[in-house]
Amino acid sequence: MASSSSDDLRNIVAEINAQILHYQSLIDNLLAKREGAQLQLDSIVYPVLTLPSEITCEIFHQCLPTWVHRNSSEPWEAPVLLSHVCRAWREIALSTPALW
């Protein structure tokens, strides 16, 4: 009887190991798909980021409120907001003294 019980347990362990291998294979496949999708996402070039920095800088200037309408407690609001959109805009905004 002990032999039958141990054989049954060995079979159960073997089945579980087979299931683990199957699910690990599925996980590996999903991880590879996710990595491919992430690489595609990372390679997307947004059209606005293809503008020359001089054009982007001019657009930033147009976003500034006129001095008449500037609230004295929030004089830096527009440049700060623009600098928080993405890394490229931050670099442009911070390298444009006229915004500040």
Protein backbone atom coordinates (compact mmCIF):
# COMPACT_ATOMS: atom_id res chain seq x y z
CA MET A 1 0.00 0.00 0.00
CA ALA A 2 2.83 2.40 0.81
CA SER A 3 4.26 1.78 -2.65
CA SER A 4 0.97 2.70 -4.29
CA SER A 5 0.69 5.82 -2.17
CA SER A 6 4.24 6.92 -2.98
CA ASP A 7 3.65 6.19 -6.69
CA ASP A 8 0.52 8.34 -6.56
CA LEU A 9 2.44 11.15 -4.88
CA ARG A 10 5.23 10.89 -7.46
CA ASN A 11 2.63 11.16 -10.22
CA ILE A 12 1.06 14.18 -8.55
CA VAL A 13 4.46 15.85 -8.22
CA ALA A 14 5.24 15.06 -11.87
CA GLU A 15 1.91 16.53 -12.99
CA ILE A 16 2.47 19.65 -10.92
CA ASN A 17 5.99 20.03 -12.34
CA ALA A 18 4.58 19.69 -15.87
CA GLN A 19 1.98 22.37 -15.12
CA ILE A 20 4.65 24.65 -13.67
CA LEU A 21 6.74 24.25 -16.84
CA HIS A 22 3.66 24.96 -18.97
CA TYR A 23 2.77 28.11 -17.05
CA GLN A 24 6.40 29.24 -16.93
CA SER A 25 6.47 28.93 -20.71
CA LEU A 26 3.30 31.05 -20.93
CA ILE A 27 4.81 33.64 -18.58
CA ASP A 28 8.04 33.76 -20.59
CA ASN A 29 6.00 34.27 -23.77
CA LEU A 30 3.99 37.08 -22.19
CA LEU A 31 7.14 38.74 -20.86
CA ALA A 32 8.67 38.65 -24.35
CA LYS A 33 5.51 40.17 -25.85
CA ARG A 34 5.47 42.87 -23.20
CA GLU A 35 9.11 43.71 -23.86
CA GLY A 36 8.42 43.97 -27.60
CA ALA A 37 5.42 46.21 -27.01
CA GLN A 38 7.42 48.40 -24.61
CA LEU A 39 10.22 48.75 -27.16
CA GLN A 40 7.69 49.82 -29.79
CA LEU A 41 6.14 52.28 -27.36
CA ASP A 42 9.54 53.70 -26.46
CA SER A 43 10.41 54.16 -30.13
CA ILE A 44 7.33 56.26 -30.92
CA VAL A 45 8.38 59.74 -31.92
CA TYR A 46 5.68 62.25 -31.16
CA PRO A 47 5.40 64.84 -33.96
CA VAL A 48 5.65 67.76 -31.55
CA LEU A 49 9.06 66.49 -30.44
CA THR A 50 10.36 66.63 -34.01
CA LEU A 51 10.06 70.41 -34.15
CA PRO A 52 13.33 72.32 -34.00
CA SER A 53 13.94 73.66 -30.51
CA GLU A 54 13.79 77.23 -31.85
CA ILE A 55 10.18 76.67 -32.99
CA THR A 56 9.28 75.01 -29.70
CA CYS A 57 10.85 77.92 -27.85
CA GLU A 58 8.75 80.38 -29.87
CA ILE A 59 5.62 78.38 -29.03
CA PHE A 60 6.61 78.56 -25.38
CA HIS A 61 6.95 82.34 -25.66
CA GLN A 62 3.42 82.49 -27.08
CA CYS A 63 2.19 80.58 -24.01
CA LEU A 64 3.41 83.28 -21.65
CA PRO A 65 0.75 85.64 -20.38
CA THR A 66 1.18 89.29 -21.19
CA TRP A 67 2.62 91.43 -18.42
CA VAL A 68 -0.73 93.15 -18.02
CA HIS A 69 -2.47 89.88 -17.24
CA ARG A 70 0.24 88.27 -15.16
CA ASN A 71 -0.75 87.60 -11.60
CA SER A 72 2.16 88.78 -9.50
CA SER A 73 1.86 85.74 -7.24
CA GLU A 74 2.22 83.32 -10.17
CA PRO A 75 4.71 84.87 -12.60
CA TRP A 76 6.42 81.56 -13.41
CA GLU A 77 3.33 79.38 -13.85
CA ALA A 78 3.49 78.91 -17.65
CA PRO A 79 7.20 78.04 -17.87
CA VAL A 80 6.93 75.66 -14.94
CA LEU A 81 3.96 73.88 -16.48
CA LEU A 82 5.73 73.60 -19.83
CA SER A 83 8.85 72.24 -18.18
CA HIS A 84 6.84 69.43 -16.60
CA VAL A 85 5.41 67.99 -19.83
CA CYS A 86 8.38 65.86 -20.84
CA ARG A 87 12.17 65.73 -20.65
CA ALA A 88 12.65 67.42 -24.03
CA TRP A 89 10.39 70.33 -23.13
CA ARG A 90 12.06 70.65 -19.74
CA GLU A 91 15.47 70.99 -21.38
CA ILE A 92 14.16 73.60 -23.81
CA ALA A 93 12.32 75.57 -21.12
CA LEU A 94 15.26 75.55 -18.72
CA SER A 95 17.67 76.60 -21.46
CA THR A 96 15.49 79.57 -22.47
CA PRO A 97 16.18 82.43 -20.04
CA ALA A 98 13.50 84.64 -21.64
CA LEU A 99 10.81 82.35 -20.21
CA TRP A 100 11.91 83.07 -16.67
